[in-house]
Each structure stands twice: as C-alpha cells, then as structure tokens.
Protein backbone atom coordinates (compact mmCIF):
# COMPACT_ATOMS: atom_id res chain seq x y z
CA MET A 1 27.59 -8.37 14.10
CA MET A 2 30.26 -6.07 15.53
CA SER A 3 29.16 -3.40 18.04
CA HIS A 4 30.12 0.25 18.27
CA THR A 5 29.65 2.59 21.24
CA TYR A 6 28.54 6.08 20.30
CA SER A 7 27.89 9.02 22.60
CA ARG A 8 27.37 12.75 22.15
CA GLU A 9 25.57 15.70 23.70
CA ILE A 10 22.32 16.70 21.97
CA PRO A 11 19.84 19.57 22.49
CA VAL A 12 16.99 19.06 24.97
CA GLU A 13 13.38 20.20 24.52
CA GLU A 14 10.86 19.96 27.34
CA ASP A 15 7.68 21.37 28.85
CA TYR A 16 5.38 19.17 26.77
CA ASP A 17 2.41 17.48 28.41
CA VAL A 18 2.03 14.74 25.80
CA LEU A 19 4.40 13.35 23.18
CA VAL A 20 2.66 11.23 20.52
CA ALA A 21 4.89 8.98 18.39
CA GLY A 22 3.31 8.25 15.01
CA GLY A 23 0.75 10.31 13.12
CA GLY A 24 -1.44 7.55 11.69
CA PRO A 25 -5.14 7.28 12.59
CA ALA A 26 -4.41 6.49 16.25
CA GLY A 27 -1.68 9.08 16.65
CA ALA A 28 -3.49 11.88 14.84
CA ALA A 29 -6.61 11.29 16.96
CA ALA A 30 -4.54 11.13 20.16
CA ALA A 31 -2.69 14.37 19.42
CA VAL A 32 -5.79 16.34 18.44
CA CYS A 33 -7.88 15.06 21.35
CA ALA A 34 -5.14 15.74 23.90
CA ALA A 35 -4.65 19.27 22.57
CA ARG A 36 -8.39 19.92 22.62
CA LEU A 37 -8.28 19.03 26.32
CA GLY A 38 -5.77 21.80 26.88
CA ALA A 39 -2.50 19.88 26.72
CA LYS A 40 0.72 21.03 25.08
CA VAL A 41 1.27 18.29 22.51
CA VAL A 42 4.11 17.38 20.15
CA LEU A 43 3.35 14.86 17.42
CA ILE A 44 6.29 12.97 15.88
CA GLU A 45 5.65 11.63 12.35
CA ALA A 46 8.17 9.91 10.06
CA THR A 47 6.53 10.93 6.77
CA GLY A 48 5.30 14.28 5.43
CA CYS A 49 1.60 13.85 6.20
CA LEU A 50 -0.77 12.53 8.84
CA GLY A 51 -3.06 9.54 8.38
CA GLY A 52 -0.55 6.68 8.18
CA MET A 53 -2.10 3.73 6.38
CA SER A 54 -5.12 5.89 5.48
CA THR A 55 -2.98 8.28 3.44
CA SER A 56 0.66 7.28 3.00
CA GLY A 57 -0.37 3.62 2.84
CA MET A 58 -3.27 4.38 0.45
CA VAL A 59 -5.58 2.01 2.33
CA ALA A 60 -8.38 4.34 1.33
CA THR A 61 -11.27 2.53 3.03
CA PHE A 62 -12.25 2.85 6.67
CA GLY A 63 -13.34 -0.32 8.41
CA PRO A 64 -17.01 -0.74 9.39
CA MET A 65 -18.41 1.77 11.87
CA GLY A 66 -21.76 0.13 12.62
CA ASP A 67 -23.02 -3.30 13.66
CA GLY A 68 -25.88 -3.52 11.16
CA THR A 69 -28.39 -1.95 13.52
CA LYS A 70 -26.65 1.11 15.02
CA THR A 71 -23.55 3.28 14.90
CA LEU A 72 -20.66 2.14 17.11
CA VAL A 73 -18.36 5.11 16.64
CA GLY A 74 -18.67 8.44 18.38
CA GLY A 75 -16.47 11.30 19.53
CA PHE A 76 -13.54 12.17 17.29
CA THR A 77 -14.23 9.31 14.84
CA ARG A 78 -17.85 10.32 14.31
CA GLN A 79 -16.85 13.96 13.84
CA LEU A 80 -14.22 12.93 11.28
CA ILE A 81 -16.50 10.74 9.15
CA GLU A 82 -19.36 13.25 9.19
CA THR A 83 -17.05 16.13 8.25
CA MET A 84 -15.57 14.09 5.40
CA HIS A 85 -19.06 13.34 4.12
CA GLN A 86 -20.17 16.97 4.35
CA ARG A 87 -17.12 18.12 2.40
CA GLY A 88 -17.37 15.44 -0.29
CA PHE A 89 -14.21 13.60 0.80
CA LEU A 90 -15.84 10.15 0.84
CA GLY A 91 -16.48 7.94 -2.18
CA PRO A 92 -19.21 9.25 -4.51
CA GLU A 93 -21.56 6.41 -3.58
CA VAL A 94 -21.15 6.70 0.20
CA THR A 95 -24.26 7.63 2.19
CA PRO A 96 -24.62 8.06 5.98
CA ASP A 97 -26.08 4.54 6.12
CA TYR A 98 -22.53 3.29 5.54
CA TRP A 99 -21.62 4.23 9.11
CA VAL A 100 -24.99 4.74 10.75
CA SER A 101 -26.57 1.34 10.20
CA ASP A 102 -24.79 -0.83 7.62
CA TYR A 103 -23.22 -4.18 8.54
CA ASN A 104 -19.59 -4.90 7.65
CA ARG A 105 -19.62 -2.00 5.21
CA TRP A 106 -16.21 -0.61 4.24
CA ILE A 107 -16.15 3.15 3.60
CA PRO A 108 -14.02 4.45 0.68
CA PHE A 109 -12.54 7.95 0.86
CA ASN A 110 -10.12 10.28 -0.87
CA PRO A 111 -6.76 10.01 0.96
CA GLU A 112 -5.49 13.40 -0.24
CA SER A 113 -8.50 15.12 1.32
CA LEU A 114 -7.97 13.29 4.61
CA LYS A 115 -4.38 14.60 4.77
CA ARG A 116 -5.66 18.18 4.65
CA LEU A 117 -8.42 17.58 7.18
CA LEU A 118 -6.02 16.11 9.74
CA ASP A 119 -3.66 19.06 9.14
CA GLU A 120 -6.59 21.38 9.80
CA TYR A 121 -7.55 19.61 13.03
CA CYS A 122 -3.97 19.76 14.33
CA VAL A 123 -3.55 23.45 13.50
CA GLU A 124 -6.89 24.36 15.09
CA ALA A 125 -6.12 22.38 18.24
CA GLY A 126 -2.58 23.75 18.56
CA VAL A 127 -0.70 20.47 18.06
CA GLU A 128 3.00 20.96 17.27
CA VAL A 129 3.58 18.58 14.36
CA ARG A 130 7.09 17.41 13.49
CA PHE A 131 7.05 15.82 10.05
CA PHE A 132 10.00 13.82 8.70
CA THR A 133 10.97 12.97 12.28
CA LYS A 134 11.41 9.54 13.86
CA VAL A 135 11.68 8.27 17.42
CA ILE A 136 14.94 6.32 17.56
CA ASP A 137 15.46 5.70 21.28
CA ALA A 138 14.13 6.40 24.75
CA GLU A 139 15.40 6.87 28.29
CA THR A 140 13.49 5.57 31.25
CA ASN A 141 13.31 5.87 35.00
CA GLY A 142 11.85 2.64 36.26
CA LYS A 143 8.45 2.24 34.60
CA ASN A 144 8.38 5.86 33.47
CA VAL A 145 9.56 7.19 30.14
CA ALA A 146 11.97 10.05 30.93
CA GLY A 147 12.35 11.26 27.36
CA VAL A 148 12.78 10.22 23.75
CA ILE A 149 15.54 10.77 21.21
CA VAL A 150 14.26 11.86 17.81
CA SER A 151 16.05 12.28 14.51
CA ASN A 152 15.32 14.57 11.57
CA VAL A 153 17.13 16.89 9.16
CA GLU A 154 18.22 19.06 12.11
CA GLY A 155 19.99 16.12 13.74
CA LEU A 156 19.23 14.46 17.06
CA LYS A 157 17.17 15.94 19.89
CA PHE A 158 16.04 14.75 23.29
CA ILE A 159 12.40 15.58 24.07
CA ARG A 160 10.86 15.37 27.52
CA ALA A 161 7.13 15.19 28.21
CA LYS A 162 4.91 14.26 31.11
CA THR A 163 3.20 11.46 29.20
CA TYR A 164 3.84 9.44 26.03
CA ILE A 165 1.58 7.67 23.52
CA ASP A 166 3.08 5.11 21.14
CA ALA A 167 1.03 5.09 17.93
CA THR A 168 3.82 3.91 15.65
CA GLY A 169 2.09 0.63 14.78
CA ASP A 170 5.37 -1.18 15.39
CA ALA A 171 5.53 -0.34 19.14
CA VAL A 172 8.79 1.51 18.44
CA LEU A 173 8.62 3.72 21.53
CA ALA A 174 7.40 0.94 23.80
CA ALA A 175 10.16 -1.41 22.67
CA ALA A 176 12.82 1.30 22.94
CA SER A 177 11.65 1.96 26.49
CA GLY A 178 12.03 -1.70 27.42
CA ALA A 179 8.33 -2.52 27.69
CA PRO A 180 7.76 -6.23 27.02
CA CYS A 181 6.48 -7.02 23.52
CA LYS A 182 5.48 -9.97 21.38
CA VAL A 183 6.84 -10.12 17.85
CA ALA A 184 5.62 -11.49 14.51
CA GLY A 185 7.76 -14.30 13.19
CA ARG A 186 8.58 -15.42 16.71
CA ASP A 187 5.25 -15.48 18.51
CA TRP A 188 2.96 -15.89 15.45
CA PRO A 189 3.42 -16.22 11.67
CA HIS A 190 4.05 -13.16 9.51
CA GLN A 191 1.00 -11.83 7.69
CA PRO A 192 1.58 -10.73 4.09
CA ALA A 193 2.20 -7.09 3.26
CA THR A 194 0.57 -5.05 0.48
CA VAL A 195 1.53 -2.02 -1.58
CA CYS A 196 -1.79 -0.30 -2.35
CA SER A 197 -2.47 1.73 -5.49
CA ILE A 198 -4.58 4.55 -6.91
CA PHE A 199 -5.93 4.17 -10.46
CA GLY A 200 -7.54 6.48 -12.99
CA GLY A 201 -9.42 5.98 -16.24
CA ILE A 202 -12.08 3.66 -14.81
CA ASP A 203 -15.49 3.80 -16.51
CA TRP A 204 -17.76 3.67 -13.46
CA ASP A 205 -20.67 4.44 -15.81
CA HIS A 206 -20.16 1.10 -17.58
CA ALA A 207 -23.35 -0.97 -17.66
CA ASP A 208 -21.81 -3.71 -15.50
CA TYR A 209 -21.46 -1.25 -12.60
CA ASN A 210 -24.98 0.08 -12.88
CA GLY A 211 -27.05 -3.09 -12.79
CA PRO A 212 -29.24 -4.18 -9.88
CA ARG A 213 -26.24 -4.88 -7.62
CA GLY A 214 -23.74 -2.55 -9.27
CA SER A 215 -20.10 -2.83 -8.25
CA ASP A 216 -20.89 -5.60 -5.75
CA ALA A 217 -21.81 -7.87 -8.65
CA VAL A 218 -18.59 -6.95 -10.47
CA LYS A 219 -16.60 -7.65 -7.30
CA GLU A 220 -18.09 -11.15 -7.12
CA ARG A 221 -17.27 -11.79 -10.77
CA VAL A 222 -13.69 -10.62 -10.18
CA LYS A 223 -13.34 -13.19 -7.40
CA ASN A 224 -15.30 -16.05 -8.95
CA GLU A 225 -14.69 -15.60 -12.70
CA TYR A 226 -11.99 -13.14 -13.70
CA LEU A 227 -9.36 -14.06 -11.09
CA PRO A 228 -9.58 -17.84 -11.73
CA ARG A 229 -9.25 -17.16 -15.45
CA ALA A 230 -6.17 -14.97 -14.92
CA ASN A 231 -4.64 -17.56 -12.57
CA ALA A 232 -5.21 -20.28 -15.18
CA ASP A 233 -3.53 -18.03 -17.76
CA GLY A 234 -0.50 -17.63 -15.47
CA HIS A 235 -1.03 -13.88 -15.39
CA PHE A 236 0.31 -13.23 -11.87
CA THR A 237 3.76 -13.81 -10.39
CA HIS A 238 1.99 -15.93 -7.79
CA PRO A 239 -1.68 -16.98 -7.85
CA ASP A 240 -4.18 -14.61 -6.31
CA HIS A 241 -7.44 -16.04 -4.96
CA PHE A 242 -8.76 -12.85 -3.40
CA ILE A 243 -9.01 -9.17 -4.33
CA ALA A 244 -10.90 -6.93 -1.93
CA GLY A 245 -12.22 -5.03 -4.93
CA MET A 246 -11.56 -1.75 -6.68
CA LYS A 247 -13.14 0.94 -4.47
CA LYS A 248 -14.67 3.99 -6.11
CA ILE A 249 -13.09 7.14 -4.64
CA GLY A 250 -13.79 9.58 -7.49
CA ALA A 251 -15.60 10.04 -10.80
CA VAL A 252 -12.96 8.03 -12.70
CA THR A 253 -10.60 6.95 -9.92
CA GLY A 254 -10.35 3.84 -7.77
CA ASN A 255 -8.31 2.51 -4.89
CA LEU A 256 -7.01 -1.05 -4.92
CA ASN A 257 -5.80 -3.04 -1.91
CA ALA A 258 -4.42 -6.12 -3.64
CA GLY A 259 -1.26 -8.08 -4.18
CA HIS A 260 0.11 -10.00 -1.21
CA ILE A 261 3.84 -9.84 -0.56
CA TYR A 262 4.74 -12.87 1.54
CA ASN A 263 7.44 -13.49 4.14
CA ILE A 264 7.97 -9.82 4.94
CA ASP A 265 9.34 -8.97 8.37
CA GLY A 266 8.12 -5.43 8.93
CA LEU A 267 10.85 -4.88 11.51
CA LYS A 268 13.65 -5.45 8.99
CA ALA A 269 14.70 -2.65 6.63
CA ARG A 270 15.95 -5.09 3.99
CA ASP A 271 12.60 -6.89 3.88
CA LEU A 272 10.74 -3.60 3.61
CA SER A 273 13.03 -2.41 0.82
CA ASP A 274 12.75 -5.61 -1.21
CA GLY A 275 9.01 -5.69 -0.56
CA MET A 276 8.46 -2.18 -1.91
CA ILE A 277 10.31 -3.04 -5.12
CA HIS A 278 8.24 -6.21 -5.54
CA GLY A 279 5.01 -4.40 -4.65
CA ARG A 280 5.49 -1.84 -7.41
CA LYS A 281 5.97 -4.66 -9.91
CA LEU A 282 2.77 -6.30 -8.67
CA ALA A 283 0.89 -3.03 -9.17
CA VAL A 284 1.67 -3.24 -12.88
CA GLU A 285 0.39 -6.83 -12.97
CA TYR A 286 -2.91 -5.70 -11.42
CA THR A 287 -3.18 -2.80 -13.85
CA GLU A 288 -2.85 -5.25 -16.73
CA PHE A 289 -5.25 -7.68 -15.06
CA TYR A 290 -8.02 -5.08 -14.76
CA ARG A 291 -7.39 -3.79 -18.28
CA LYS A 292 -7.54 -7.28 -19.79
CA TYR A 293 -10.20 -9.07 -17.74
CA VAL A 294 -12.51 -6.56 -16.01
CA PRO A 295 -15.22 -4.57 -17.86
CA GLY A 296 -15.03 -0.80 -17.59
CA CYS A 297 -11.27 -0.92 -17.04
CA GLU A 298 -10.10 -1.01 -20.65
CA ARG A 299 -8.50 2.45 -20.26
CA ILE A 300 -7.31 2.06 -16.68
CA GLU A 301 -4.08 3.81 -15.71
CA LEU A 302 -1.88 3.31 -12.66
CA ALA A 303 -1.68 6.76 -11.06
CA SER A 304 0.40 6.00 -7.97
CA THR A 305 1.59 3.31 -5.61
CA SER A 306 1.78 3.94 -1.88
CA PRO A 307 5.09 5.30 -0.56
CA VAL A 308 4.56 3.28 2.61
CA MET A 309 4.02 -0.47 2.66
CA GLY A 310 0.85 -1.84 4.19
CA ILE A 311 2.16 -3.89 7.11
CA ARG A 312 -0.57 -5.69 8.99
CA ASP A 313 1.25 -6.89 12.09
CA THR A 314 4.74 -6.64 13.58
CA ARG A 315 5.04 -6.06 17.30
CA ARG A 316 2.44 -5.83 20.07
CA ILE A 317 2.86 -4.88 23.69
CA VAL A 318 2.31 -7.23 26.59
CA GLY A 319 -0.46 -5.21 28.19
CA GLU A 320 -2.24 -5.23 31.49
CA PHE A 321 -4.73 -7.49 29.68
CA GLU A 322 -4.67 -9.43 26.42
CA LEU A 323 -7.88 -9.43 24.40
CA THR A 324 -8.48 -12.92 22.97
CA PHE A 325 -10.54 -14.51 20.24
CA ALA A 326 -12.63 -16.18 22.95
CA ASP A 327 -13.57 -12.68 24.13
CA TYR A 328 -14.36 -11.72 20.54
CA ASN A 329 -16.50 -14.79 19.83
CA SER A 330 -18.57 -14.15 22.93
CA ALA A 331 -18.93 -10.44 22.06
CA ARG A 332 -17.58 -9.73 25.52
CA GLN A 333 -18.20 -6.32 27.05
CA PHE A 334 -15.96 -4.77 29.71
CA PRO A 335 -16.53 -2.20 32.46
CA ASP A 336 -13.42 -0.31 31.31
CA GLN A 337 -14.02 -0.54 27.57
CA VAL A 338 -13.13 2.62 25.67
CA ALA A 339 -14.64 1.57 22.33
CA VAL A 340 -16.86 -1.13 20.81
CA TYR A 341 -16.38 -2.63 17.37
CA ASN A 342 -17.75 -5.13 14.84
CA ARG A 343 -15.43 -6.26 12.04
CA PRO A 344 -14.47 -9.77 10.91
CA ALA A 345 -11.22 -11.37 12.03
CA ASP A 346 -9.23 -10.29 8.98
CA VAL A 347 -6.07 -12.43 9.28
CA HIS A 348 -4.78 -12.75 5.73
CA SER A 349 -3.38 -15.90 4.13
CA THR A 350 0.28 -16.51 4.95
CA ASN A 351 1.01 -18.06 1.53
CA ASP A 352 -0.65 -18.32 -1.90
CA SER A 353 -2.15 -21.79 -1.40
CA LYS A 354 -5.84 -22.44 -1.90
CA GLU A 355 -5.95 -23.96 1.61
CA GLU A 356 -4.76 -20.73 3.25
CA TYR A 357 -7.21 -18.73 1.17
CA GLU A 358 -10.08 -20.97 2.30
CA ARG A 359 -8.98 -20.58 5.94
CA PHE A 360 -8.96 -16.80 5.49
CA MET A 361 -12.44 -16.80 3.94
CA LYS A 362 -13.77 -19.02 6.71
CA ASP A 363 -12.52 -16.51 9.28
CA MET A 364 -13.92 -13.56 7.34
CA HIS A 365 -17.36 -15.02 6.70
CA GLY A 366 -17.81 -17.73 9.32
CA ALA A 367 -16.13 -18.39 12.65
CA GLY A 368 -14.43 -15.00 12.70
CA LYS A 369 -17.48 -12.86 12.07
CA LEU A 370 -19.69 -11.30 14.74
CA PRO A 371 -23.43 -11.26 14.00
CA ARG A 372 -25.50 -8.17 13.36
CA GLY A 373 -26.16 -6.14 16.46
CA ALA A 374 -23.12 -7.51 18.29
CA SER A 375 -19.77 -5.94 19.12
CA ILE A 376 -16.55 -6.64 20.97
CA GLY A 377 -15.55 -4.25 23.73
CA ILE A 378 -12.04 -2.79 23.53
CA PRO A 379 -10.89 -2.50 27.15
CA TYR A 380 -8.60 0.28 28.32
CA SER A 381 -6.16 -2.27 29.73
CA ILE A 382 -4.98 -3.43 26.28
CA LEU A 383 -3.57 0.07 25.69
CA VAL A 384 -1.26 0.02 28.74
CA PRO A 385 2.12 -1.79 28.74
CA LYS A 386 2.17 -3.92 31.86
CA GLU A 387 3.04 -1.88 34.98
CA TRP A 388 3.95 1.30 33.08
CA ALA A 389 3.08 4.68 34.59
CA ASN A 390 3.21 7.29 31.80
CA LEU A 391 3.16 5.25 28.58
CA TRP A 392 0.18 4.17 26.46
CA VAL A 393 -0.18 2.62 23.01
CA ALA A 394 -2.94 3.14 20.44
CA GLY A 395 -3.55 1.38 17.14
CA ARG A 396 -2.27 -1.98 15.98
CA CYS A 397 0.47 -2.40 18.63
CA HIS A 398 -2.16 -2.94 21.34
CA SER A 399 -2.31 -6.14 23.44
CA SER A 400 -4.41 -8.85 21.75
CA ASP A 401 -4.09 -12.27 20.18
CA THR A 402 -3.72 -12.69 16.44
CA LYS A 403 -7.34 -13.33 15.45
CA VAL A 404 -8.94 -10.52 17.42
CA HIS A 405 -6.06 -8.28 16.33
CA GLY A 406 -7.17 -9.00 12.76
CA SER A 407 -10.47 -7.33 13.62
CA ILE A 408 -9.52 -4.30 15.70
CA ARG A 409 -6.28 -3.26 13.96
CA SER A 410 -8.31 -1.27 11.41
CA GLN A 411 -8.27 2.49 11.02
CA SER A 412 -11.70 3.25 12.47
CA ALA A 413 -10.85 1.32 15.66
CA ALA A 414 -7.44 3.01 15.80
CA PHE A 415 -9.02 6.49 15.80
CA MET A 416 -11.08 5.47 18.86
CA MET A 417 -8.07 4.01 20.66
CA GLY A 418 -6.19 7.25 20.02
CA GLN A 419 -8.90 9.36 21.64
CA ALA A 420 -9.01 6.97 24.60
CA ALA A 421 -5.24 7.04 25.15
CA ALA A 422 -5.20 10.85 24.95
CA THR A 423 -8.04 11.17 27.44
CA ALA A 424 -6.26 8.76 29.81
CA ALA A 425 -2.99 10.70 29.52
CA ILE A 426 -4.68 13.99 30.44
CA GLN A 427 -6.46 12.32 33.37
CA SER A 428 -3.11 10.96 34.55
CA ILE A 429 -1.49 14.42 34.39
CA ARG A 430 -4.35 16.06 36.30
CA THR A 431 -4.77 13.40 38.99
CA GLY A 432 -1.33 11.84 39.32
CA GLN A 433 -2.82 8.41 38.60
CA PRO A 434 -0.40 6.16 36.66
CA ALA A 435 -1.50 4.55 33.42
CA CYS A 436 -1.46 1.12 35.08
CA ASP A 437 -3.72 2.23 37.93
CA LEU A 438 -6.03 4.79 36.35
CA ASP A 439 -9.58 5.30 37.59
CA THR A 440 -11.38 3.82 34.58
CA TRP A 441 -14.81 4.89 35.83
CA THR A 442 -13.72 8.51 35.40
CA LEU A 443 -12.08 7.71 32.05
CA VAL A 444 -15.23 6.12 30.61
CA GLU A 445 -17.41 8.99 31.80
CA SER A 446 -14.99 11.50 30.24
CA LEU A 447 -15.14 9.67 26.91
CA ARG A 448 -18.93 9.51 27.08
CA ALA A 449 -19.03 13.26 27.70
CA ALA A 450 -16.91 13.68 24.55
CA GLY A 451 -19.45 11.69 22.51
CA SER A 452 -18.01 8.17 22.58
CA TYR A 453 -20.51 5.31 22.35
CA LEU A 454 -19.83 3.14 25.43
CA PRO A 455 -22.94 1.10 26.27
CA GLN A 456 -21.59 -0.99 29.17
CA PRO A 457 -24.17 -0.86 32.01
CA VAL A 458 -21.61 -1.43 34.77
CA LEU A 459 -18.47 0.63 35.35
CA SER A 460 -15.45 -0.05 37.51
CA HIS A 461 -12.79 2.14 39.07
CA SER A 462 -10.12 -0.40 38.12
CA MET A 463 -9.21 -1.82 34.72
CA THR A 464 -9.77 -5.36 33.43
CA ARG A 465 -6.79 -7.59 34.20
C-alpha cells in the first residue's frame, strides 16, 4: 500500500483530569465514577448513546452477578442494577434473586431504558460527553500519554488530560499510544461475531412458557428439538447448534443473541461491513425459524437489528500481569483484586462444526465453569499496560488469556473494571503515583469504601506481577 504524509494544525483542548475513550459499560462506569470523585472528565463515544454492547450492540442481558450463594457486585454496578429494577427497566420476570443469590443467571433488560439511565448518571455527575466522536491517534512522552486526536463533525481536535482510560474494547487508544498488544488472528483464533436483534409479537402467555419450568423448558426444546429439525431441513445458511435463547425484555418483546458470523476480523473495516450485511440477513432467517418452529412465536416480528456488531475479541494489552485459565480454574484471589466474578469461560465456536460446538459446551458446562460459591479475582494489574504511567484499560481489552477472557469480558465485569480504573486514575492524580506503581492497598480500600465487594483477607501495597 502506498503511504501519504499529512500534517496540519488543529485546535487544542486541555485542563481535563480524565479522558475516557469509549462509552460502553466500562467507559460509562469509569467516566461517572471519576466525575463523582471530583474530576473533570471528558468521555469520547463513537455512537450516539452510552452502553456499548448493552445498548448499541443489543446484547440486552447482563452476565451473572452472583456466585450462587452471594452477590459479587457492589459499588456502581450494584447501584445500576438496583436502580434498573426499581424503575422497571429489567425483564418482567427478573427478581433480586437474579443478582443477589442466583448461579450463572443472565439478567435481561431493556436497552433503551439503560441508554437514558447512563445519560442521567453522566449529567448528574458532570461528565462532558462527546457523542459521534472517535479517538484516531495519540501523542506520547515516554510511557505517558500526552494527548489524543479525536475526530467528529467539527473536524479534528487535540485533547490533553492528566490521565487516560481506554474502554474502546479494541484497545484503540492503547495501540495508538504504542502500548504493546496481542491481536486476534495472530495470537489466537478469531471468535465469531453476532448481530443481535429485538423482536415483537411474542406470545409470552403461551402455555409452553407457563409450565413448571417456563421459558427454560422452551429454551431446551429449541436447542434439543427445534434447532436440529431446522438444521435437517436446511433452514439456515450454515448450521446452528446453539441459540442462547430468546430473552423476555417486555410484555411482547424479546432479545435474541444468535447467528454466528465466522472469520470476522474486528479490526478490519471491510470485515465489519460485510459482517453487518450478512448479520442482517441472518436476522431474517432467525425470525422465520422462530415463526415456523417455536410455539408462541407464530406472529413474531423483527423490530430491529443492532447498529453495532457484537465483536467478542480483537486486541488486548500486554499488562503488568496476564490473568490465565490456570488462575481461573483455581479460583485464585489476589491482594490487589478490584473485582471478583463467576461466569463460565464463554469462548464461542470458531466454525459451524459439531466438534467445535461440543468443545464450546464443554467449556461452558464443564472444565470452564467455576462451582457455586467460587469466584476469580480480577487483579488491578491486568488493567495497566506494562510500564505505563497515566494510561489504564477497562473492559474486554484487559490483559488475560483467551479462556479466562471468555469469562470476564462480559458487561457486568466491565462495569466493575471501569470503576476500578477511574478510582486508580484519581488516586494517581492526587498522589503522583504512576499507574504501573500505584499503592494498591489504598486503591482496594477506596473501592471498598465505595461499596465494592472485595473479600481478599490480605492486601498489598504493590500490584500482582
């Protein structure tokens, strides 16, 4: 490819304490929590709403928030879920047990309501939100980010801040700054993408959904009876052996996370473009599948497909520490952990073969599943690019191996990482401690004071390395 050198003078904005790149679960939590701690915060978001995969991606189910015996989330995440319940933003069947005590229980919600709630939190906290704005480059001074270049309808601008949090999911800011990263397709196989959908016209009062086991029984029949029949009929473009299930988010509405799109490189615009076109075609196939094969869905209508593709994994930082599946399997706890979590290792099949499906199910229900009452600690050190002073990540671009990443990349874990990164950034500003040498004893105690559940009995002033 030919190269072209381009230079110009652009306006400069400064005096921010924290710049957060990406307004998904991690970024929204980071921005709100930093502002609540008194920081001047600017939040850069490429779309027109906050919530990322929760809203734009229409992945309208939070990952589990308990371990089967107790609640693992606290702080911002607990406030969010309880507020959503109080206001009727969660699925009609959701009770507090879903997050207080249930085991591996996914929590459906209304994505439109979450958009408004995150707007409300940002306005109340004083976060300056820049919608339709993308980080396109960064300047550095050694292991410090000196500023970022953003692009929107006004053109290009250079924004300076004291600290920076990369919550883009794709480690866009970290990579632009020169922080070392690992990349899907080079360091591990691509996971499939998904274009999620919202449906109307579902008869949730149908007798099949109101038996002894309700929608759970229907979900099992979809997987064990209806899907095999549709595959045998050649219904789908490529065979589907697994549908997570239609989640009830309203009186007649449902959210569907189904339809794998294989061989998508989430860091290539052409792949994303072709994938969106294919994903919208798949949504029609699933509409027809539910209408033809699944009781209660005879009048189902496709209301909307997500404007953002569900990308599971692209680029992860090389952090001060890499969390591994061995750590996960042993339910390892860390002195510097900033969250604890229990969710199966959800690494989706990389092709449509029965063998890959069986491997996926084995991970989800066997070797990759923590028992009740257990949890994996999420150490602070996986949020810090190695040796960097004023840069953190939060969300799925953290430092972990593929299997444990499949567990902790979910939205509920991302909210907790966002709060942790924000709290660390404010501590760094106030003390002068760099991200890579932060007093983690103080960090953990600050998070505990803010309501985070951090049960580790031993603390340390230095991070896990």
